[in-house]
Amino acid sequence: MTSVPGDAISTDSRSLAASLLPLLNEACDQHLADVAWFKADWQRGGAATATASYLQPDGSTIPVILKLPVVQRELLWLRRLQTIDAQHPVIPRLYASGESLGGYDLAWVIIEKLPHGPLGLQWHSDHIARIADAAARFHAAARSFPVDQPPQVEAWDDLIGESLENLRINPVAEKSRWIKATKRLRSNLDTIVEAWDSRATDEWQHGDLHIANALSRDSMESGEVCLIDLAEVHAGNWLEDAIYLERQLWARPERMKPLKPVKAMAMARKRHGLPVGGDYPRYAMIRRALLAGTAPKFIKSEGHPRHLEACLGWLETALNELT
């Protein structure tokens, strides 16, 4: 089997996908029609995506999303989770998939086109509760599969060092406060990381719990949420997903007034019979300190002044509680 060159995928994935469409349709027994390639503003990665119609065994057609190539991890979890709660899966229904195409080692999927969302397109006060519930449902479904890998290793020392360097060479609001707080984090880093590393890491995490990856079969305003983009699923602790969601809202604290993501996910996990751990508030604060402290490292992509201001506030708050 031949591998697709990485530069071919990243340079023009839609052209590559379009050239392979006849082979893909052949693999689907000519069930595909009305294929229209698109790239959404929130889409990341090199996969090509398209809307299409898919012919079902009863002769009816349904709207679908075609995606290729997909990483093996996403294909694995799309297939795995089809077996859990087939009536109301927490991820899109999978209609067809494969691991190769036209002699290339190239995975592809045809999944349900969810009619509402992403939720990030329009904010509603119940988004946090609904996404937190979806995360808990994902965690519960994924528990059916043993955790057979170690948690992700994050190079905190390197990340904090690069944050300090970026603070030194870039014009940043509140630079002296930032440098003071970041140096304080680095001086306590061994203890903080040791505490974080002591967390339970025996569950699968979605890994990219973003409001752009949350859609619904019911409506934008209500109903169960489904999660897409499973390329970052990994072993870890539920707080990783919770703080990942929360961090997106740090610069918009008014959106967290009705219900904060960590509390929302803890409540949802309890409803679904999942453990939360009695010391989860402290672990949440540790995660906030580490992520807030690395914000200057990513100043080119995440350097909006409002976001950096919020990260600095969380870093100082977390350090005051932890040290």
C-alpha atoms as a PDB file:
ATOM      1  CA  MET A   1       0.000   0.000   0.000  1.00  0.00           C
ATOM      2  CA  THR A   2       1.294   3.446  -0.966  1.00  0.00           C
ATOM      3  CA  SER A   3       1.179   6.340   1.480  1.00  0.00           C
ATOM      4  CA  VAL A   4      -0.179   9.701   0.323  1.00  0.00           C
ATOM      5  CA  PRO A   5       2.581  12.353   0.537  1.00  0.00           C
ATOM      6  CA  GLY A   6       1.886  14.764   3.366  1.00  0.00           C
ATOM      7  CA  ASP A   7       2.524  17.818   1.215  1.00  0.00           C
ATOM      8  CA  ALA A   8      -0.080  16.652  -1.296  1.00  0.00           C
ATOM      9  CA  ILE A   9      -2.709  16.536   1.423  1.00  0.00           C
ATOM     10  CA  SER A  10      -1.804  19.833   3.021  1.00  0.00           C
ATOM     11  CA  THR A  11      -1.325  21.743  -0.235  1.00  0.00           C
ATOM     12  CA  ASP A  12      -4.680  21.041  -1.855  1.00  0.00           C
ATOM     13  CA  SER A  13      -6.638  18.356  -0.056  1.00  0.00           C
ATOM     14  CA  ARG A  14      -9.855  19.142  -1.908  1.00  0.00           C
ATOM     15  CA  SER A  15      -8.237  18.640  -5.317  1.00  0.00           C
ATOM     16  CA  LEU A  16      -6.799  15.336  -4.160  1.00  0.00           C
ATOM     17  CA  ALA A  17     -10.136  14.271  -2.719  1.00  0.00           C
ATOM     18  CA  ALA A  18     -12.000  15.309  -5.862  1.00  0.00           C
ATOM     19  CA  SER A  19      -9.631  13.242  -8.016  1.00  0.00           C
ATOM     20  CA  LEU A  20     -10.319  10.226  -5.813  1.00  0.00           C
ATOM     21  CA  LEU A  21     -14.086  10.722  -5.760  1.00  0.00           C
ATOM     22  CA  PRO A  22     -14.846   8.135  -8.478  1.00  0.00           C
ATOM     23  CA  LEU A  23     -12.899   5.537  -6.519  1.00  0.00           C
ATOM     24  CA  LEU A  24     -14.655   6.539  -3.329  1.00  0.00           C
ATOM     25  CA  ASN A  25     -18.063   6.248  -4.973  1.00  0.00           C
ATOM     26  CA  GLU A  26     -17.083   2.842  -6.296  1.00  0.00           C
ATOM     27  CA  ALA A  27     -16.141   1.812  -2.745  1.00  0.00           C
ATOM     28  CA  CYS A  28     -19.609   2.971  -1.669  1.00  0.00           C
ATOM     29  CA  ASP A  29     -21.393   0.996  -4.414  1.00  0.00           C
ATOM     30  CA  GLN A  30     -22.316   4.262  -6.183  1.00  0.00           C
ATOM     31  CA  HIS A  31     -24.391   5.426  -3.216  1.00  0.00           C
ATOM     32  CA  LEU A  32     -22.927   8.951  -3.230  1.00  0.00           C
ATOM     33  CA  ALA A  33     -24.382  11.913  -5.118  1.00  0.00           C
ATOM     34  CA  ASP A  34     -24.446  15.717  -5.070  1.00  0.00           C
ATOM     35  CA  VAL A  35     -20.946  16.043  -3.616  1.00  0.00           C
ATOM     36  CA  ALA A  36     -20.001  19.638  -2.756  1.00  0.00           C
ATOM     37  CA  TRP A  37     -16.603  20.343  -1.188  1.00  0.00           C
ATOM     38  CA  PHE A  38     -16.307  23.022   1.474  1.00  0.00           C
ATOM     39  CA  LYS A  39     -13.985  24.389   4.140  1.00  0.00           C
ATOM     40  CA  ALA A  40     -15.575  26.011   7.181  1.00  0.00           C
ATOM     41  CA  ASP A  41     -13.993  28.952   8.996  1.00  0.00           C
ATOM     42  CA  TRP A  42     -13.584  26.854  12.150  1.00  0.00           C
ATOM     43  CA  GLN A  43     -12.143  23.809  10.369  1.00  0.00           C
ATOM     44  CA  ARG A  44      -8.613  22.770  11.228  1.00  0.00           C
ATOM     45  CA  GLY A  45      -6.297  20.169   9.785  1.00  0.00           C
ATOM     46  CA  GLY A  46      -5.710  18.981   6.250  1.00  0.00           C
ATOM     47  CA  ALA A  47      -8.801  16.842   5.644  1.00  0.00           C
ATOM     48  CA  ALA A  48     -11.126  17.641   2.768  1.00  0.00           C
ATOM     49  CA  THR A  49     -14.822  17.710   3.633  1.00  0.00           C
ATOM     50  CA  ALA A  50     -17.919  17.721   1.478  1.00  0.00           C
ATOM     51  CA  THR A  51     -21.655  17.568   1.804  1.00  0.00           C
ATOM     52  CA  ALA A  52     -23.338  14.833  -0.194  1.00  0.00           C
ATOM     53  CA  SER A  53     -26.408  12.654  -0.534  1.00  0.00           C
ATOM     54  CA  TYR A  54     -26.177   8.991   0.403  1.00  0.00           C
ATOM     55  CA  LEU A  55     -28.486   6.287  -0.920  1.00  0.00           C
ATOM     56  CA  GLN A  56     -29.855   3.974   1.766  1.00  0.00           C
ATOM     57  CA  PRO A  57     -30.956   0.342   1.305  1.00  0.00           C
ATOM     58  CA  ASP A  58     -34.644   1.344   1.278  1.00  0.00           C
ATOM     59  CA  GLY A  59     -34.073   3.673  -1.671  1.00  0.00           C
ATOM     60  CA  SER A  60     -34.253   6.915   0.297  1.00  0.00           C
ATOM     61  CA  THR A  61     -31.403   9.416   0.451  1.00  0.00           C
ATOM     62  CA  ILE A  62     -29.981  11.196   3.458  1.00  0.00           C
ATOM     63  CA  PRO A  63     -27.602  14.154   3.783  1.00  0.00           C
ATOM     64  CA  VAL A  64     -24.071  13.163   4.800  1.00  0.00           C
ATOM     65  CA  ILE A  65     -20.587  14.549   5.319  1.00  0.00           C
ATOM     66  CA  LEU A  66     -17.703  13.012   3.405  1.00  0.00           C
ATOM     67  CA  LYS A  67     -14.271  13.428   4.947  1.00  0.00           C
ATOM     68  CA  LEU A  68     -10.864  12.322   3.710  1.00  0.00           C
ATOM     69  CA  PRO A  69      -8.260  11.677   4.662  1.00  0.00           C
ATOM     70  CA  VAL A  70      -8.924  11.059   8.330  1.00  0.00           C
ATOM     71  CA  VAL A  71      -6.355   9.944  10.868  1.00  0.00           C
ATOM     72  CA  GLN A  72      -6.574   6.378  12.086  1.00  0.00           C
ATOM     73  CA  ARG A  73      -7.512   7.524  15.578  1.00  0.00           C
ATOM     74  CA  GLU A  74     -10.624   9.302  14.317  1.00  0.00           C
ATOM     75  CA  LEU A  75     -11.630   6.326  12.191  1.00  0.00           C
ATOM     76  CA  LEU A  76     -11.087   3.990  15.146  1.00  0.00           C
ATOM     77  CA  TRP A  77     -13.315   5.980  17.496  1.00  0.00           C
ATOM     78  CA  LEU A  78     -16.026   6.608  14.932  1.00  0.00           C
ATOM     79  CA  ARG A  79     -16.214   2.849  14.443  1.00  0.00           C
ATOM     80  CA  ARG A  80     -15.964   2.000  18.109  1.00  0.00           C
ATOM     81  CA  LEU A  81     -18.671   4.340  19.328  1.00  0.00           C
ATOM     82  CA  GLN A  82     -21.186   3.191  16.718  1.00  0.00           C
ATOM     83  CA  THR A  83     -21.620   0.129  18.903  1.00  0.00           C
ATOM     84  CA  ILE A  84     -22.686   2.176  21.938  1.00  0.00           C
ATOM     85  CA  ASP A  85     -26.224   3.582  22.090  1.00  0.00           C
ATOM     86  CA  ALA A  86     -26.974   3.127  18.404  1.00  0.00           C
ATOM     87  CA  GLN A  87     -30.277   5.020  18.727  1.00  0.00           C
ATOM     88  CA  HIS A  88     -28.771   8.219  20.160  1.00  0.00           C
ATOM     89  CA  PRO A  89     -24.992   8.120  19.648  1.00  0.00           C
ATOM     90  CA  VAL A  90     -22.951  10.991  21.041  1.00  0.00           C
ATOM     91  CA  ILE A  91     -21.030  11.133  17.759  1.00  0.00           C
ATOM     92  CA  PRO A  92     -22.311  11.210  14.157  1.00  0.00           C
ATOM     93  CA  ARG A  93     -23.627   7.975  12.721  1.00  0.00           C
ATOM     94  CA  LEU A  94     -21.095   6.289  10.446  1.00  0.00           C
ATOM     95  CA  TYR A  95     -22.543   5.083   7.131  1.00  0.00           C
ATOM     96  CA  ALA A  96     -19.381   3.983   5.326  1.00  0.00           C
ATOM     97  CA  SER A  97     -15.633   4.017   5.884  1.00  0.00           C
ATOM     98  CA  GLY A  98     -12.389   2.578   4.669  1.00  0.00           C
ATOM     99  CA  GLU A  99      -8.679   2.532   5.351  1.00  0.00           C
ATOM    100  CA  SER A 100      -7.453   2.774   1.780  1.00  0.00           C
ATOM    101  CA  LEU A 101      -8.481   4.221  -1.567  1.00  0.00           C
ATOM    102  CA  GLY A 102      -7.043   3.808  -5.033  1.00  0.00           C
ATOM    103  CA  GLY A 103      -3.997   1.977  -3.781  1.00  0.00           C
ATOM    104  CA  TYR A 104      -3.231   4.669  -1.234  1.00  0.00           C
ATOM    105  CA  ASP A 105      -3.059   4.172   2.515  1.00  0.00           C
ATOM    106  CA  LEU A 106      -5.797   6.750   3.033  1.00  0.00           C
ATOM    107  CA  ALA A 107      -8.664   6.487   5.519  1.00  0.00           C
ATOM    108  CA  TRP A 108     -12.062   8.026   4.745  1.00  0.00           C
ATOM    109  CA  VAL A 109     -15.482   8.276   6.332  1.00  0.00           C
ATOM    110  CA  ILE A 110     -19.051   9.109   5.372  1.00  0.00           C
ATOM    111  CA  ILE A 111     -20.939  10.309   8.415  1.00  0.00           C
ATOM    112  CA  GLU A 112     -24.295  11.744   9.382  1.00  0.00           C
ATOM    113  CA  LYS A 113     -24.775  15.421   8.542  1.00  0.00           C
ATOM    114  CA  LEU A 114     -25.995  16.923  11.788  1.00  0.00           C
ATOM    115  CA  PRO A 115     -28.559  19.606  10.975  1.00  0.00           C
ATOM    116  CA  HIS A 116     -27.893  22.129  13.734  1.00  0.00           C
ATOM    117  CA  GLY A 117     -24.607  23.801  14.551  1.00  0.00           C
ATOM    118  CA  PRO A 118     -21.821  24.110  15.261  1.00  0.00           C
ATOM    119  CA  LEU A 119     -23.032  25.675  18.477  1.00  0.00           C
ATOM    120  CA  GLY A 120     -20.201  28.182  18.259  1.00  0.00           C
ATOM    121  CA  LEU A 121     -22.050  29.966  15.463  1.00  0.00           C
ATOM    122  CA  GLN A 122     -24.693  31.300  17.836  1.00  0.00           C
ATOM    123  CA  TRP A 123     -24.403  31.544  21.602  1.00  0.00           C
ATOM    124  CA  HIS A 124     -27.149  30.389  23.958  1.00  0.00           C
ATOM    125  CA  SER A 125     -27.056  30.207  27.736  1.00  0.00           C
ATOM    126  CA  ASP A 126     -27.517  26.425  27.756  1.00  0.00           C
ATOM    127  CA  HIS A 127     -24.558  25.664  25.495  1.00  0.00           C
ATOM    128  CA  ILE A 128     -22.235  24.888  28.407  1.00  0.00           C
ATOM    129  CA  ALA A 129     -24.643  22.478  30.062  1.00  0.00           C
ATOM    130  CA  ARG A 130     -25.381  20.698  26.787  1.00  0.00           C
ATOM    131  CA  ILE A 131     -21.727  20.368  25.749  1.00  0.00           C
ATOM    132  CA  ALA A 132     -20.770  19.210  29.241  1.00  0.00           C
ATOM    133  CA  ASP A 133     -23.488  16.566  29.080  1.00  0.00           C
ATOM    134  CA  ALA A 134     -22.216  15.439  25.673  1.00  0.00           C
ATOM    135  CA  ALA A 135     -18.692  15.155  27.077  1.00  0.00           C
ATOM    136  CA  ALA A 136     -19.959  13.032  29.961  1.00  0.00           C
ATOM    137  CA  ARG A 137     -21.877  10.826  27.529  1.00  0.00           C
ATOM    138  CA  PHE A 138     -18.704  10.502  25.442  1.00  0.00           C
ATOM    139  CA  HIS A 139     -16.670   9.566  28.527  1.00  0.00           C
ATOM    140  CA  ALA A 140     -19.300   7.017  29.548  1.00  0.00           C
ATOM    141  CA  ALA A 141     -19.453   5.439  26.087  1.00  0.00           C
ATOM    142  CA  ALA A 142     -15.671   5.322  25.743  1.00  0.00           C
ATOM    143  CA  ARG A 143     -15.372   3.446  29.046  1.00  0.00           C
ATOM    144  CA  SER A 144     -16.470   0.357  27.121  1.00  0.00           C
ATOM    145  CA  PHE A 145     -12.961   0.236  25.668  1.00  0.00           C
ATOM    146  CA  PRO A 146      -9.910  -0.378  27.857  1.00  0.00           C
ATOM    147  CA  VAL A 147      -7.381   2.415  28.248  1.00  0.00           C
ATOM    148  CA  ASP A 148      -4.351   0.864  26.594  1.00  0.00           C
ATOM    149  CA  GLN A 149      -2.011   3.852  26.378  1.00  0.00           C
ATOM    150  CA  PRO A 150      -0.339   6.277  28.794  1.00  0.00           C
ATOM    151  CA  PRO A 151      -1.602   9.845  29.152  1.00  0.00           C
ATOM    152  CA  GLN A 152      -0.152  12.562  26.970  1.00  0.00           C
ATOM    153  CA  VAL A 153       3.203  13.949  28.080  1.00  0.00           C
ATOM    154  CA  GLU A 154       3.225  17.737  28.092  1.00  0.00           C
ATOM    155  CA  ALA A 155       6.603  19.463  28.193  1.00  0.00           C
ATOM    156  CA  TRP A 156       5.628  22.108  30.734  1.00  0.00           C
ATOM    157  CA  ASP A 157       9.168  23.260  31.465  1.00  0.00           C
ATOM    158  CA  ASP A 158       9.850  23.931  27.792  1.00  0.00           C
ATOM    159  CA  LEU A 159       6.469  25.581  27.287  1.00  0.00           C
ATOM    160  CA  ILE A 160       6.899  27.928  30.236  1.00  0.00           C
ATOM    161  CA  GLY A 161      10.426  28.755  29.110  1.00  0.00           C
ATOM    162  CA  GLU A 162       9.167  29.673  25.656  1.00  0.00           C
ATOM    163  CA  SER A 163       6.418  31.776  27.236  1.00  0.00           C
ATOM    164  CA  LEU A 164       9.019  33.785  29.130  1.00  0.00           C
ATOM    165  CA  GLU A 165      11.067  34.281  25.989  1.00  0.00           C
ATOM    166  CA  ASN A 166       8.018  35.498  24.060  1.00  0.00           C
ATOM    167  CA  LEU A 167       7.186  37.884  26.879  1.00  0.00           C
ATOM    168  CA  ARG A 168      10.716  39.244  26.713  1.00  0.00           C
ATOM    169  CA  ILE A 169      10.771  39.946  22.972  1.00  0.00           C
ATOM    170  CA  ASN A 170       7.144  40.921  22.283  1.00  0.00           C
ATOM    171  CA  PRO A 171       5.140  43.988  23.279  1.00  0.00           C
ATOM    172  CA  VAL A 172       2.539  42.620  25.681  1.00  0.00           C
ATOM    173  CA  ALA A 173       0.104  44.507  27.882  1.00  0.00           C
ATOM    174  CA  GLU A 174       0.964  44.161  31.579  1.00  0.00           C
ATOM    175  CA  LYS A 175       4.375  42.763  30.658  1.00  0.00           C
ATOM    176  CA  SER A 176       5.860  43.157  34.145  1.00  0.00           C
ATOM    177  CA  ARG A 177       2.887  41.363  35.735  1.00  0.00           C
ATOM    178  CA  TRP A 178       3.153  38.606  33.161  1.00  0.00           C
ATOM    179  CA  ILE A 179       6.872  38.106  33.734  1.00  0.00           C
ATOM    180  CA  LYS A 180       6.447  38.124  37.503  1.00  0.00           C
ATOM    181  CA  ALA A 181       3.605  35.590  37.412  1.00  0.00           C
ATOM    182  CA  THR A 182       5.325  33.339  34.866  1.00  0.00           C
ATOM    183  CA  LYS A 183       8.573  33.300  36.854  1.00  0.00           C
ATOM    184  CA  ARG A 184       6.551  32.461  39.942  1.00  0.00           C
ATOM    185  CA  LEU A 185       4.942  29.580  38.058  1.00  0.00           C
ATOM    186  CA  ARG A 186       8.325  28.325  36.884  1.00  0.00           C
ATOM    187  CA  SER A 187       9.768  28.445  40.400  1.00  0.00           C
ATOM    188  CA  ASN A 188       6.897  26.247  41.628  1.00  0.00           C
ATOM    189  CA  LEU A 189       6.611  24.184  38.463  1.00  0.00           C
ATOM    190  CA  ASP A 190       8.043  20.918  39.771  1.00  0.00           C
ATOM    191  CA  THR A 191       5.567  20.797  42.648  1.00  0.00           C
ATOM    192  CA  ILE A 192       2.616  21.830  40.467  1.00  0.00           C
ATOM    193  CA  VAL A 193       3.415  19.341  37.712  1.00  0.00           C
ATOM    194  CA  GLU A 194       3.991  16.558  40.241  1.00  0.00           C
ATOM    195  CA  ALA A 195       0.536  17.258  41.663  1.00  0.00           C
ATOM    196  CA  TRP A 196      -1.018  17.287  38.198  1.00  0.00           C
ATOM    197  CA  ASP A 197       0.699  14.032  37.270  1.00  0.00           C
ATOM    198  CA  SER A 198      -0.889  12.364  40.316  1.00  0.00           C
ATOM    199  CA  ARG A 199      -4.392  12.707  38.824  1.00  0.00           C
ATOM    200  CA  ALA A 200      -6.322   9.675  37.625  1.00  0.00           C
ATOM    201  CA  THR A 201      -5.736   9.079  33.916  1.00  0.00           C
ATOM    202  CA  ASP A 202      -7.883   6.026  33.342  1.00  0.00           C
ATOM    203  CA  GLU A 203     -10.486   7.433  30.950  1.00  0.00           C
ATOM    204  CA  TRP A 204     -10.634   8.408  27.306  1.00  0.00           C
ATOM    205  CA  GLN A 205     -10.914  12.144  26.640  1.00  0.00           C
ATOM    206  CA  HIS A 206     -12.353  13.785  23.537  1.00  0.00           C
ATOM    207  CA  GLY A 207      -9.289  16.046  23.418  1.00  0.00           C
ATOM    208  CA  ASP A 208     -10.787  18.831  21.280  1.00  0.00           C
ATOM    209  CA  LEU A 209     -13.938  19.804  23.181  1.00  0.00           C
ATOM    210  CA  HIS A 210     -14.510  22.977  21.234  1.00  0.00           C
ATOM    211  CA  ILE A 211     -17.820  24.756  20.696  1.00  0.00           C
ATOM    212  CA  ALA A 212     -17.145  24.396  16.964  1.00  0.00           C
ATOM    213  CA  ASN A 213     -17.089  20.607  17.432  1.00  0.00           C
ATOM    214  CA  ALA A 214     -20.515  20.507  19.095  1.00  0.00           C
ATOM    215  CA  LEU A 215     -23.632  20.046  16.941  1.00  0.00           C
ATOM    216  CA  SER A 216     -27.159  18.789  17.498  1.00  0.00           C
ATOM    217  CA  ARG A 217     -29.800  16.642  15.851  1.00  0.00           C
ATOM    218  CA  ASP A 218     -32.533  18.644  17.600  1.00  0.00           C
ATOM    219  CA  SER A 219     -31.882  22.393  17.516  1.00  0.00           C
ATOM    220  CA  MET A 220     -29.352  25.107  18.295  1.00  0.00           C
ATOM    221  CA  GLU A 221     -31.183  25.979  21.509  1.00  0.00           C
ATOM    222  CA  SER A 222     -32.052  22.611  23.030  1.00  0.00           C
ATOM    223  CA  GLY A 223     -31.603  18.860  22.813  1.00  0.00           C
ATOM    224  CA  GLU A 224     -28.678  16.511  23.074  1.00  0.00           C
ATOM    225  CA  VAL A 225     -25.350  17.563  21.584  1.00  0.00           C
ATOM    226  CA  CYS A 226     -23.152  15.392  19.397  1.00  0.00           C
ATOM    227  CA  LEU A 227     -19.386  15.733  19.240  1.00  0.00           C
ATOM    228  CA  ILE A 228     -17.362  15.628  16.031  1.00  0.00           C
ATOM    229  CA  ASP A 229     -13.631  15.511  15.202  1.00  0.00           C
ATOM    230  CA  LEU A 230     -12.221  12.603  17.179  1.00  0.00           C
ATOM    231  CA  ALA A 231      -8.614  12.919  16.022  1.00  0.00           C
ATOM    232  CA  GLU A 232      -7.390  14.000  19.475  1.00  0.00           C
ATOM    233  CA  VAL A 233      -8.975  11.271  21.630  1.00  0.00           C
ATOM    234  CA  HIS A 234      -6.475  10.247  24.298  1.00  0.00           C
ATOM    235  CA  ALA A 235      -6.142   8.786  27.759  1.00  0.00           C
ATOM    236  CA  GLY A 236      -6.455  11.243  30.613  1.00  0.00           C
ATOM    237  CA  ASN A 237      -8.691  12.862  33.191  1.00  0.00           C
ATOM    238  CA  TRP A 238     -12.106  14.430  32.599  1.00  0.00           C
ATOM    239  CA  LEU A 239     -10.794  17.794  33.783  1.00  0.00           C
ATOM    240  CA  GLU A 240      -8.691  18.022  30.633  1.00  0.00           C
ATOM    241  CA  ASP A 241     -11.851  18.212  28.548  1.00  0.00           C
ATOM    242  CA  ALA A 242     -13.562  20.479  31.091  1.00  0.00           C
ATOM    243  CA  ILE A 243     -10.755  23.062  31.260  1.00  0.00           C
ATOM    244  CA  TYR A 244     -10.248  22.862  27.486  1.00  0.00           C
ATOM    245  CA  LEU A 245     -13.860  23.977  27.106  1.00  0.00           C
ATOM    246  CA  GLU A 246     -13.588  26.549  29.876  1.00  0.00           C
ATOM    247  CA  ARG A 247     -10.436  28.128  28.450  1.00  0.00           C
ATOM    248  CA  GLN A 248     -12.289  29.088  25.281  1.00  0.00           C
ATOM    249  CA  LEU A 249     -14.548  31.262  27.449  1.00  0.00           C
ATOM    250  CA  TRP A 250     -11.969  32.917  29.695  1.00  0.00           C
ATOM    251  CA  ALA A 251     -12.177  36.099  27.658  1.00  0.00           C
ATOM    252  CA  ARG A 252     -15.985  35.969  27.800  1.00  0.00           C
ATOM    253  CA  PRO A 253     -16.654  35.410  31.522  1.00  0.00           C
ATOM    254  CA  GLU A 254     -20.247  36.590  31.192  1.00  0.00           C
ATOM    255  CA  ARG A 255     -20.988  33.392  29.294  1.00  0.00           C
ATOM    256  CA  MET A 256     -19.967  31.335  32.330  1.00  0.00           C
ATOM    257  CA  LYS A 257     -22.157  33.160  34.851  1.00  0.00           C
ATOM    258  CA  PRO A 258     -25.164  30.828  34.523  1.00  0.00           C
ATOM    259  CA  LEU A 259     -23.012  27.698  34.783  1.00  0.00           C
ATOM    260  CA  LYS A 260     -19.261  27.149  34.725  1.00  0.00           C
ATOM    261  CA  PRO A 261     -17.881  24.318  32.555  1.00  0.00           C
ATOM    262  CA  VAL A 262     -16.126  22.384  35.343  1.00  0.00           C
ATOM    263  CA  LYS A 263     -19.207  22.409  37.568  1.00  0.00           C
ATOM    264  CA  ALA A 264     -21.420  21.579  34.600  1.00  0.00           C
ATOM    265  CA  MET A 265     -19.294  18.589  33.647  1.00  0.00           C
ATOM    266  CA  ALA A 266     -19.043  17.361  37.227  1.00  0.00           C
ATOM    267  CA  MET A 267     -22.844  17.466  37.474  1.00  0.00           C
ATOM    268  CA  ALA A 268     -23.239  15.713  34.130  1.00  0.00           C
ATOM    269  CA  ARG A 269     -20.780  12.991  35.064  1.00  0.00           C
ATOM    270  CA  LYS A 270     -22.669  12.315  38.276  1.00  0.00           C
ATOM    271  CA  ARG A 271     -25.915  12.027  36.312  1.00  0.00           C
ATOM    272  CA  HIS A 272     -24.276   9.465  34.043  1.00  0.00           C
ATOM    273  CA  GLY A 273     -22.808   7.492  36.939  1.00  0.00           C
ATOM    274  CA  LEU A 274     -19.205   8.592  36.427  1.00  0.00           C
ATOM    275  CA  PRO A 275     -16.741   9.527  39.175  1.00  0.00           C
ATOM    276  CA  VAL A 276     -15.520  13.087  39.615  1.00  0.00           C
ATOM    277  CA  GLY A 277     -13.077  12.780  42.532  1.00  0.00           C
ATOM    278  CA  GLY A 278     -13.376  14.738  45.750  1.00  0.00           C
ATOM    279  CA  ASP A 279     -10.311  16.861  45.020  1.00  0.00           C
ATOM    280  CA  TYR A 280     -11.270  17.832  41.489  1.00  0.00           C
ATOM    281  CA  PRO A 281     -11.464  21.597  42.234  1.00  0.00           C
ATOM    282  CA  ARG A 282      -7.744  21.618  43.104  1.00  0.00           C
ATOM    283  CA  TYR A 283      -6.806  19.638  39.999  1.00  0.00           C
ATOM    284  CA  ALA A 284      -8.888  22.066  37.945  1.00  0.00           C
ATOM    285  CA  MET A 285      -6.951  24.997  39.386  1.00  0.00           C
ATOM    286  CA  ILE A 286      -3.653  23.272  38.633  1.00  0.00           C
ATOM    287  CA  ARG A 287      -4.705  22.779  35.023  1.00  0.00           C
ATOM    288  CA  ARG A 288      -5.738  26.438  34.803  1.00  0.00           C
ATOM    289  CA  ALA A 289      -2.339  27.562  36.091  1.00  0.00           C
ATOM    290  CA  LEU A 290      -0.464  25.435  33.571  1.00  0.00           C
ATOM    291  CA  LEU A 291      -2.565  26.428  30.567  1.00  0.00           C
ATOM    292  CA  ALA A 292      -2.708  30.106  31.493  1.00  0.00           C
ATOM    293  CA  GLY A 293       1.052  30.162  31.983  1.00  0.00           C
ATOM    294  CA  THR A 294       1.669  28.790  28.493  1.00  0.00           C
ATOM    295  CA  ALA A 295      -0.529  31.385  26.760  1.00  0.00           C
ATOM    296  CA  PRO A 296       2.411  33.660  25.748  1.00  0.00           C
ATOM    297  CA  LYS A 297       4.043  30.665  24.042  1.00  0.00           C
ATOM    298  CA  PHE A 298       1.192  30.777  21.514  1.00  0.00           C
ATOM    299  CA  ILE A 299       1.050  34.554  21.218  1.00  0.00           C
ATOM    300  CA  LYS A 300       1.035  34.475  17.410  1.00  0.00           C
ATOM    301  CA  SER A 301      -2.112  32.357  17.213  1.00  0.00           C
ATOM    302  CA  GLU A 302      -3.787  33.194  20.533  1.00  0.00           C
ATOM    303  CA  GLY A 303      -2.466  36.646  21.292  1.00  0.00           C
ATOM    304  CA  HIS A 304      -5.707  38.609  21.352  1.00  0.00           C
ATOM    305  CA  PRO A 305      -5.325  41.176  24.161  1.00  0.00           C
ATOM    306  CA  ARG A 306      -8.594  40.178  25.798  1.00  0.00           C
ATOM    307  CA  HIS A 307      -7.586  36.511  25.867  1.00  0.00           C
ATOM    308  CA  LEU A 308      -4.127  37.282  27.249  1.00  0.00           C
ATOM    309  CA  GLU A 309      -5.634  39.515  29.921  1.00  0.00           C
ATOM    310  CA  ALA A 310      -7.951  36.707  30.997  1.00  0.00           C
ATOM    311  CA  CYS A 311      -5.098  34.179  31.034  1.00  0.00           C
ATOM    312  CA  LEU A 312      -3.009  36.464  33.231  1.00  0.00           C
ATOM    313  CA  GLY A 313      -5.887  36.816  35.666  1.00  0.00           C
ATOM    314  CA  TRP A 314      -6.343  33.063  35.880  1.00  0.00           C
ATOM    315  CA  LEU A 315      -2.603  32.495  36.282  1.00  0.00           C
ATOM    316  CA  GLU A 316      -2.411  34.885  39.229  1.00  0.00           C
ATOM    317  CA  THR A 317      -5.589  33.494  40.795  1.00  0.00           C
ATOM    318  CA  ALA A 318      -4.397  29.919  40.463  1.00  0.00           C
ATOM    319  CA  LEU A 319      -0.940  30.653  41.855  1.00  0.00           C
ATOM    320  CA  ASN A 320      -2.415  32.439  44.851  1.00  0.00           C
ATOM    321  CA  GLU A 321      -4.471  29.360  45.613  1.00  0.00           C
ATOM    322  CA  LEU A 322      -1.818  26.746  44.890  1.00  0.00           C
ATOM    323  CA  THR A 323       1.345  28.303  46.357  1.00  0.00           C
END
